[in-house]
Amino acid sequence: MGRALGGPASIAVIINHHNNIYLVEPRYEHSELVKFARALLCKVRLGPTMASDVAEILVAGDLYGKTTHGLNLLPAYLREIEAGKMTRTGAPKILKQSPATLLVDAHYLPGPFVLRRAIAWATPRAKKHGVAMVSIRRCHHIASLIAYLRPVTSQNLVILLMCSDPANRTVAAAGGVQAVCSPNPIGMGIPTTGQPILIDTTTASTANAVATRLRNEGKTFSSPILQTAAGQPTNDPRVLVANPPGTILPLGGPGLAHKGFALAIMVEALTHALAGNGRADKPSRWGASIYMQIVDPKFFGGRTAWARETEFFATICRKSKTKPGISKVRMPGDDAQAQHKEQLKHGIKLHPGILLALQPWANKYSLQIPSASQS
């Protein structure tokens, strides 16, 4: 044990009992970060239930190591709320409903609040009918997809989740140089007999938030997954704010962009087109169209057969021979779940700058930034 010096920063100075000085990354208690985020959201007059949902999902993003989609988003969310662009009160409006399908208009309510309730609606219906599907139009941002998966897989159910922002265009079509869509992420939770497989990826070569972070830090991507307005591949995220702007390449990058572009089209169809509201309506505010499906394997080959097959495949992948420099094959979500477990126990390592960006908001509303835990 020792004492830490300094405020919110990427490095803490520790002085031990022998007056030796050493540097460590500060860690923050999960519950304290949730409490702080909830308090800030309540200060901008977001309802307490909504504030809790948003705070818990954002901090879950950091727990899983999705640091661009955790508390990093909170300043932007606070600005959206204060500007009246994220709805503070109310409930999603049901437009159509059948025993196993639901279409709602979320009226730009907070994404975590809306999606948690969509999952709560769909889960018992999937257990009753085998499949339940929810289509959501005009929702606000939903943060990290992986944060929603584990509560569903823990019930031996499969969840498929997709979203797209109809007002955002940063990704080019394969062969094109103009932006046509957002990065269009896909999430999927796959239960096994052991640790679930948790997929959270984009149909683009990167996410907008990752490009923004690298640009702000003066860094570049390790490979040319972007292109200039003239179509020249580049790893420099500054091209996205150039005049004229460049674009993000679909997943696969140069030469294989047609594969990611095909996946992006699938997401566009299942989010905007299925919800009956999207890019053709030309929205101008930050939002999301969402497709969510929950499946109970019991109604098909059976939960036992499902788990046996998924665990078998996961095992042969993890045990497969690796190329030089790679210690083992990892399934999607392995690292994220390891980080979640470790950080829940020992504290969360926040990406440098996150608490500094939140300091003005804490000052504005007379709140205390959480202190780093000492261990």
Protein backbone atom coordinates (compact mmCIF):
# COMPACT_ATOMS: atom_id res chain seq x y z
CA MET A 1 0.00 0.00 0.00
CA GLY A 2 1.12 3.59 -0.56
CA ARG A 3 -0.26 7.01 -1.20
CA ALA A 4 -1.17 8.41 -4.60
CA LEU A 5 -0.45 11.96 -5.70
CA GLY A 6 -2.18 13.99 -8.36
CA GLY A 7 -5.67 14.27 -9.87
CA PRO A 8 -7.27 12.42 -12.80
CA ALA A 9 -4.47 11.46 -15.14
CA SER A 10 -3.05 8.52 -17.02
CA ILE A 11 -0.24 7.94 -14.50
CA ALA A 12 -0.31 8.07 -10.72
CA VAL A 13 2.70 8.69 -8.52
CA ILE A 14 2.92 6.23 -5.63
CA ILE A 15 5.16 6.73 -2.61
CA ASN A 16 5.54 3.57 -0.53
CA HIS A 17 6.48 3.21 3.13
CA HIS A 18 10.19 3.32 2.26
CA ASN A 19 9.70 6.62 0.38
CA ASN A 20 10.39 4.90 -2.92
CA ILE A 21 8.60 6.56 -5.83
CA TYR A 22 7.14 4.58 -8.68
CA LEU A 23 4.49 5.10 -11.34
CA VAL A 24 1.33 3.08 -11.91
CA GLU A 25 -1.79 3.42 -13.98
CA PRO A 26 -4.61 4.61 -11.73
CA ARG A 27 -7.65 2.40 -11.35
CA TYR A 28 -11.18 3.43 -10.49
CA GLU A 29 -13.85 1.51 -8.69
CA HIS A 30 -16.64 0.39 -11.01
CA SER A 31 -19.37 1.49 -8.60
CA GLU A 32 -17.80 4.95 -8.14
CA LEU A 33 -17.63 5.58 -11.88
CA VAL A 34 -21.27 4.53 -12.31
CA LYS A 35 -22.29 6.76 -9.41
CA PHE A 36 -20.40 9.73 -10.87
CA ALA A 37 -21.79 9.27 -14.39
CA ARG A 38 -25.32 8.87 -13.03
CA ALA A 39 -24.96 12.03 -10.96
CA LEU A 40 -23.80 14.05 -13.98
CA LEU A 41 -26.68 12.75 -16.09
CA CYS A 42 -29.18 13.63 -13.36
CA LYS A 43 -27.68 17.15 -13.19
CA VAL A 44 -28.68 17.71 -16.83
CA ARG A 45 -32.17 16.55 -15.84
CA LEU A 46 -32.16 13.07 -17.31
CA GLY A 47 -34.62 10.91 -15.38
CA PRO A 48 -33.06 8.69 -12.68
CA THR A 49 -33.91 5.40 -14.41
CA MET A 50 -32.53 6.60 -17.72
CA ALA A 51 -29.46 8.03 -15.99
CA SER A 52 -28.78 4.68 -14.33
CA ASP A 53 -29.13 2.77 -17.61
CA VAL A 54 -26.81 5.13 -19.47
CA ALA A 55 -24.22 5.23 -16.68
CA GLU A 56 -24.15 1.45 -16.28
CA ILE A 57 -23.82 0.75 -20.00
CA LEU A 58 -21.10 3.36 -20.51
CA VAL A 59 -18.99 2.07 -17.63
CA ALA A 60 -19.59 -1.50 -18.87
CA GLY A 61 -17.93 -0.42 -22.11
CA ASP A 62 -14.80 0.52 -20.17
CA LEU A 63 -14.98 -2.72 -18.16
CA TYR A 64 -14.85 -4.67 -21.42
CA GLY A 65 -12.01 -2.53 -22.73
CA LYS A 66 -14.14 -0.72 -25.34
CA THR A 67 -12.69 2.60 -24.23
CA THR A 68 -13.94 4.65 -27.18
CA HIS A 69 -17.50 3.60 -26.37
CA GLY A 70 -17.44 3.89 -22.59
CA LEU A 71 -17.22 7.06 -20.49
CA ASN A 72 -15.46 8.62 -23.46
CA LEU A 73 -18.98 9.19 -24.83
CA LEU A 74 -20.35 10.90 -21.74
CA PRO A 75 -19.34 14.50 -22.60
CA ALA A 76 -21.03 14.18 -25.99
CA TYR A 77 -24.14 12.67 -24.38
CA LEU A 78 -24.27 15.56 -21.87
CA ARG A 79 -24.03 18.09 -24.70
CA GLU A 80 -26.80 16.31 -26.60
CA ILE A 81 -29.07 16.36 -23.54
CA GLU A 82 -28.44 20.02 -22.81
CA ALA A 83 -29.12 20.90 -26.45
CA GLY A 84 -32.41 18.99 -26.38
CA LYS A 85 -31.19 16.46 -28.94
CA MET A 86 -31.41 13.48 -26.58
CA THR A 87 -34.91 13.18 -25.12
CA ARG A 88 -35.00 13.39 -21.32
CA THR A 89 -38.41 11.91 -20.52
CA GLY A 90 -41.06 9.60 -21.89
CA ALA A 91 -41.12 6.11 -23.35
CA PRO A 92 -40.73 4.55 -26.81
CA LYS A 93 -43.95 4.49 -28.80
CA ILE A 94 -45.14 1.08 -30.00
CA LEU A 95 -46.03 1.34 -33.70
CA LYS A 96 -46.65 -2.36 -34.47
CA GLN A 97 -46.67 -5.48 -32.37
CA SER A 98 -47.26 -9.20 -32.82
CA PRO A 99 -46.63 -12.04 -30.36
CA ALA A 100 -42.94 -12.13 -31.35
CA THR A 101 -42.22 -8.86 -33.20
CA LEU A 102 -42.13 -5.25 -32.13
CA LEU A 103 -41.63 -1.95 -33.96
CA VAL A 104 -41.07 1.15 -31.86
CA ASP A 105 -40.29 4.81 -32.36
CA ALA A 106 -37.84 5.79 -29.62
CA HIS A 107 -38.14 9.56 -30.16
CA TYR A 108 -34.38 9.94 -29.55
CA LEU A 109 -34.55 8.63 -26.01
CA PRO A 110 -31.21 7.42 -24.56
CA GLY A 111 -30.08 4.27 -26.36
CA PRO A 112 -29.21 2.21 -23.25
CA PHE A 113 -32.63 2.94 -21.75
CA VAL A 114 -34.44 1.95 -24.94
CA LEU A 115 -32.39 -1.14 -25.76
CA ARG A 116 -32.50 -2.59 -22.25
CA ARG A 117 -36.29 -2.42 -22.39
CA ALA A 118 -36.34 -3.95 -25.85
CA ILE A 119 -34.29 -6.88 -24.53
CA ALA A 120 -36.61 -7.20 -21.53
CA TRP A 121 -39.58 -7.35 -23.93
CA ALA A 122 -37.99 -9.85 -26.30
CA THR A 123 -36.44 -12.28 -23.82
CA PRO A 124 -39.63 -13.91 -22.44
CA ARG A 125 -41.18 -13.95 -25.91
CA ALA A 126 -38.17 -15.76 -27.37
CA LYS A 127 -38.54 -18.34 -24.59
CA LYS A 128 -42.22 -18.70 -25.49
CA HIS A 129 -42.09 -18.56 -29.29
CA GLY A 130 -38.49 -19.49 -30.12
CA VAL A 131 -37.64 -16.15 -31.72
CA ALA A 132 -38.39 -12.52 -30.88
CA MET A 133 -37.40 -9.51 -32.96
CA VAL A 134 -37.42 -5.78 -32.21
CA SER A 135 -36.99 -2.98 -34.74
CA ILE A 136 -36.31 0.49 -33.38
CA ARG A 137 -36.37 3.77 -35.27
CA ARG A 138 -35.19 7.20 -34.12
CA CYS A 139 -33.26 6.03 -31.08
CA HIS A 140 -30.27 7.89 -29.72
CA HIS A 141 -26.79 6.33 -29.58
CA ILE A 142 -26.58 2.92 -27.83
CA ALA A 143 -22.85 2.91 -26.89
CA SER A 144 -20.92 -0.38 -26.90
CA LEU A 145 -22.82 -3.38 -28.26
CA ILE A 146 -20.90 -5.88 -26.13
CA ALA A 147 -22.39 -4.35 -22.98
CA TYR A 148 -25.81 -5.84 -23.83
CA LEU A 149 -24.85 -9.39 -24.73
CA ARG A 150 -23.86 -11.27 -21.56
CA PRO A 151 -27.22 -10.86 -19.74
CA VAL A 152 -28.87 -12.67 -22.66
CA THR A 153 -26.31 -15.44 -23.17
CA SER A 154 -26.41 -16.15 -19.42
CA GLN A 155 -29.96 -17.39 -20.04
CA ASN A 156 -28.74 -19.76 -22.79
CA LEU A 157 -30.25 -17.51 -25.43
CA VAL A 158 -28.68 -16.12 -28.60
CA ILE A 159 -28.75 -12.39 -29.29
CA LEU A 160 -28.09 -10.63 -32.59
CA LEU A 161 -27.78 -6.85 -32.50
CA MET A 162 -27.16 -4.33 -35.29
CA CYS A 163 -27.34 -0.57 -35.48
CA SER A 164 -26.72 2.23 -37.94
CA ASP A 165 -26.85 6.02 -37.69
CA PRO A 166 -28.95 7.35 -40.60
CA ALA A 167 -27.52 10.85 -40.16
CA ASN A 168 -23.89 9.74 -40.27
CA ARG A 169 -21.88 9.03 -43.41
CA THR A 170 -18.17 8.30 -43.10
CA VAL A 171 -17.79 4.94 -44.90
CA ALA A 172 -17.50 4.60 -48.67
CA ALA A 173 -19.11 1.95 -50.83
CA ALA A 174 -16.66 -0.57 -52.30
CA GLY A 175 -15.03 1.15 -55.24
CA GLY A 176 -16.48 4.55 -54.35
CA VAL A 177 -14.90 7.65 -52.83
CA GLN A 178 -17.98 9.29 -51.31
CA ALA A 179 -19.28 8.40 -47.85
CA VAL A 180 -22.57 6.49 -47.98
CA CYS A 181 -23.08 5.00 -44.52
CA SER A 182 -21.89 4.82 -40.92
CA PRO A 183 -19.57 2.01 -39.67
CA ASN A 184 -22.68 -0.13 -38.99
CA PRO A 185 -21.66 -2.36 -36.07
CA ILE A 186 -22.82 -5.93 -35.48
CA GLY A 187 -23.00 -7.60 -32.08
CA MET A 188 -23.80 -11.23 -31.30
CA GLY A 189 -23.85 -13.21 -28.09
CA ILE A 190 -23.37 -16.97 -28.49
CA PRO A 191 -23.79 -19.17 -25.41
CA THR A 192 -21.60 -22.26 -25.07
CA THR A 193 -21.07 -24.79 -22.30
CA GLY A 194 -18.31 -22.50 -21.02
CA GLN A 195 -17.53 -18.87 -21.70
CA PRO A 196 -19.87 -17.28 -24.25
CA ILE A 197 -18.59 -15.92 -27.54
CA LEU A 198 -19.25 -12.18 -27.63
CA ILE A 199 -18.93 -10.47 -31.00
CA ASP A 200 -18.78 -6.68 -31.25
CA THR A 201 -17.38 -5.47 -34.55
CA THR A 202 -18.07 -3.06 -37.37
CA THR A 203 -18.70 -3.63 -41.05
CA ALA A 204 -16.19 -0.84 -41.69
CA SER A 205 -12.44 -1.06 -41.21
CA THR A 206 -12.71 1.06 -38.07
CA ALA A 207 -15.19 2.99 -35.94
CA ASN A 208 -15.67 6.76 -36.08
CA ALA A 209 -14.66 7.14 -32.44
CA VAL A 210 -11.37 5.31 -32.99
CA ALA A 211 -10.50 7.57 -35.92
CA THR A 212 -11.40 10.66 -33.88
CA ARG A 213 -9.24 9.56 -30.94
CA LEU A 214 -6.21 8.88 -33.13
CA ARG A 215 -6.63 12.19 -34.93
CA ASN A 216 -6.86 14.10 -31.64
CA GLU A 217 -3.74 12.32 -30.36
CA GLY A 218 -1.79 12.98 -33.54
CA LYS A 219 -1.53 9.29 -34.34
CA THR A 220 -2.21 7.14 -37.41
CA PHE A 221 -3.60 3.68 -38.09
CA SER A 222 -1.17 0.79 -38.53
CA SER A 223 -2.48 0.09 -42.04
CA PRO A 224 -4.16 2.08 -44.86
CA ILE A 225 -7.81 1.49 -43.95
CA LEU A 226 -8.91 4.99 -45.00
CA GLN A 227 -8.81 6.75 -48.34
CA THR A 228 -8.47 10.30 -49.53
CA ALA A 229 -11.19 12.04 -51.51
CA ALA A 230 -9.26 10.98 -54.61
CA GLY A 231 -9.35 7.33 -53.56
CA GLN A 232 -5.75 6.95 -52.41
CA PRO A 233 -5.38 4.53 -49.45
CA THR A 234 -4.01 6.16 -46.29
CA ASN A 235 -3.58 5.50 -42.59
CA ASP A 236 -3.99 9.17 -41.63
CA PRO A 237 -7.32 9.89 -39.84
CA ARG A 238 -7.00 13.58 -40.66
CA VAL A 239 -8.35 12.83 -44.14
CA LEU A 240 -11.81 12.42 -42.61
CA VAL A 241 -11.91 16.14 -41.76
CA ALA A 242 -10.08 17.34 -44.89
CA ASN A 243 -11.76 19.44 -47.57
CA PRO A 244 -12.98 17.51 -49.46
CA PRO A 245 -13.15 14.74 -46.85
CA GLY A 246 -11.81 11.25 -47.25
CA THR A 247 -13.63 8.12 -46.13
CA ILE A 248 -13.30 4.95 -44.09
CA LEU A 249 -12.99 1.82 -46.19
CA PRO A 250 -15.44 -1.04 -45.62
CA LEU A 251 -14.17 -4.01 -43.63
CA GLY A 252 -11.45 -5.74 -45.64
CA GLY A 253 -9.72 -2.54 -46.68
CA PRO A 254 -8.03 -2.14 -50.08
CA GLY A 255 -8.77 -5.07 -52.33
CA LEU A 256 -11.43 -6.74 -50.16
CA ALA A 257 -13.76 -3.85 -49.36
CA HIS A 258 -16.59 -5.53 -51.27
CA LYS A 259 -16.93 -8.06 -48.44
CA GLY A 260 -17.40 -5.46 -45.72
CA PHE A 261 -19.63 -3.42 -48.02
CA ALA A 262 -21.94 -6.44 -48.41
CA LEU A 263 -22.21 -6.72 -44.62
CA ALA A 264 -22.92 -2.99 -44.37
CA ILE A 265 -25.81 -3.38 -46.81
CA MET A 266 -27.22 -6.18 -44.64
CA VAL A 267 -27.14 -3.88 -41.61
CA GLU A 268 -28.71 -1.02 -43.56
CA ALA A 269 -31.59 -3.29 -44.61
CA LEU A 270 -32.25 -4.80 -41.18
CA THR A 271 -32.03 -1.46 -39.35
CA HIS A 272 -33.37 1.41 -41.47
CA ALA A 273 -35.42 -0.44 -44.06
CA LEU A 274 -37.07 -2.80 -41.59
CA ALA A 275 -37.88 0.06 -39.22
CA GLY A 276 -39.38 2.06 -42.08
CA ASN A 277 -37.29 5.10 -41.25
CA GLY A 278 -33.70 5.89 -42.18
CA ARG A 279 -31.43 7.62 -44.63
CA ALA A 280 -34.16 8.38 -47.16
CA ASP A 281 -35.81 10.54 -44.47
CA LYS A 282 -32.63 12.64 -44.29
CA PRO A 283 -32.41 13.04 -40.50
CA SER A 284 -29.97 15.64 -39.23
CA ARG A 285 -29.47 14.58 -35.61
CA TRP A 286 -27.28 11.92 -34.01
CA GLY A 287 -29.30 8.75 -33.68
CA ALA A 288 -29.66 5.08 -34.44
CA SER A 289 -31.87 2.56 -36.17
CA ILE A 290 -31.61 -0.80 -34.39
CA TYR A 291 -32.35 -4.41 -35.18
CA MET A 292 -32.34 -6.87 -32.29
CA GLN A 293 -33.19 -10.58 -32.37
CA ILE A 294 -33.20 -13.12 -29.56
CA VAL A 295 -33.36 -16.85 -30.30
CA ASP A 296 -34.00 -19.78 -27.97
CA PRO A 297 -32.18 -22.85 -29.35
CA LYS A 298 -34.64 -25.02 -27.42
CA PHE A 299 -37.12 -24.57 -30.30
CA PHE A 300 -34.62 -25.83 -32.88
CA GLY A 301 -31.90 -28.42 -32.34
CA GLY A 302 -32.14 -27.95 -28.60
CA ARG A 303 -30.07 -26.05 -26.05
CA THR A 304 -27.85 -29.07 -25.28
CA ALA A 305 -27.02 -29.66 -28.93
CA TRP A 306 -26.43 -25.93 -29.46
CA ALA A 307 -24.03 -25.67 -26.53
CA ARG A 308 -22.20 -28.85 -27.52
CA GLU A 309 -21.65 -27.63 -31.07
CA THR A 310 -20.64 -24.08 -30.16
CA GLU A 311 -18.27 -25.26 -27.42
CA PHE A 312 -16.74 -27.86 -29.76
CA PHE A 313 -16.02 -25.25 -32.39
CA ALA A 314 -14.66 -22.76 -29.86
CA THR A 315 -12.37 -25.45 -28.47
CA ILE A 316 -10.88 -26.51 -31.81
CA CYS A 317 -10.30 -22.84 -32.66
CA ARG A 318 -8.56 -22.08 -29.36
CA LYS A 319 -6.42 -25.22 -29.61
CA SER A 320 -5.51 -24.76 -33.27
CA LYS A 321 -1.87 -24.34 -34.24
CA THR A 322 -0.76 -20.73 -34.42
CA LYS A 323 1.64 -18.85 -36.65
CA PRO A 324 4.93 -17.47 -35.29
CA GLY A 325 4.48 -14.68 -32.79
CA ILE A 326 0.94 -15.67 -31.82
CA SER A 327 0.64 -17.51 -28.51
CA LYS A 328 -2.94 -18.72 -28.94
CA VAL A 329 -6.11 -18.29 -30.95
CA ARG A 330 -8.71 -16.20 -29.18
CA MET A 331 -12.44 -16.27 -29.78
CA PRO A 332 -14.29 -12.95 -30.07
CA GLY A 333 -14.89 -11.58 -26.59
CA ASP A 334 -12.19 -13.61 -24.83
CA ASP A 335 -9.98 -10.62 -24.09
CA ALA A 336 -12.95 -8.39 -23.32
CA GLN A 337 -14.36 -10.83 -20.78
CA ALA A 338 -10.96 -11.28 -19.17
CA GLN A 339 -10.65 -7.51 -18.84
CA HIS A 340 -14.18 -7.30 -17.45
CA LYS A 341 -13.42 -9.84 -14.74
CA GLU A 342 -10.04 -8.37 -13.83
CA GLN A 343 -11.20 -4.73 -13.80
CA LEU A 344 -14.33 -5.48 -11.84
CA LYS A 345 -12.10 -6.93 -9.14
CA HIS A 346 -9.13 -4.58 -9.24
CA GLY A 347 -10.55 -1.37 -10.68
CA ILE A 348 -10.95 0.10 -14.16
CA LYS A 349 -8.06 1.59 -16.12
CA LEU A 350 -9.53 4.55 -17.95
CA HIS A 351 -8.04 5.74 -21.21
CA PRO A 352 -5.94 8.87 -20.67
CA GLY A 353 -7.94 12.04 -21.00
CA ILE A 354 -11.40 10.68 -20.21
CA LEU A 355 -11.63 12.13 -16.71
CA LEU A 356 -9.88 15.29 -17.83
CA ALA A 357 -12.64 15.77 -20.43
CA LEU A 358 -15.23 15.25 -17.70
CA GLN A 359 -13.58 17.64 -15.23
CA PRO A 360 -15.31 20.77 -16.66
CA TRP A 361 -18.67 19.03 -16.31
CA ALA A 362 -17.86 18.06 -12.73
CA ASN A 363 -16.88 21.67 -12.00
CA LYS A 364 -20.01 23.01 -13.66
CA TYR A 365 -22.27 20.90 -11.46
CA SER A 366 -20.12 20.92 -8.30
CA LEU A 367 -19.37 17.19 -8.41
CA GLN A 368 -16.20 15.42 -7.35
CA ILE A 369 -14.28 13.38 -9.93
CA PRO A 370 -13.81 9.83 -8.57
CA SER A 371 -10.46 9.25 -6.92
CA ALA A 372 -8.15 6.48 -8.05
CA SER A 373 -8.20 3.40 -5.85
CA GLN A 374 -4.97 2.42 -4.14
CA SER A 375 -3.73 -1.17 -4.20
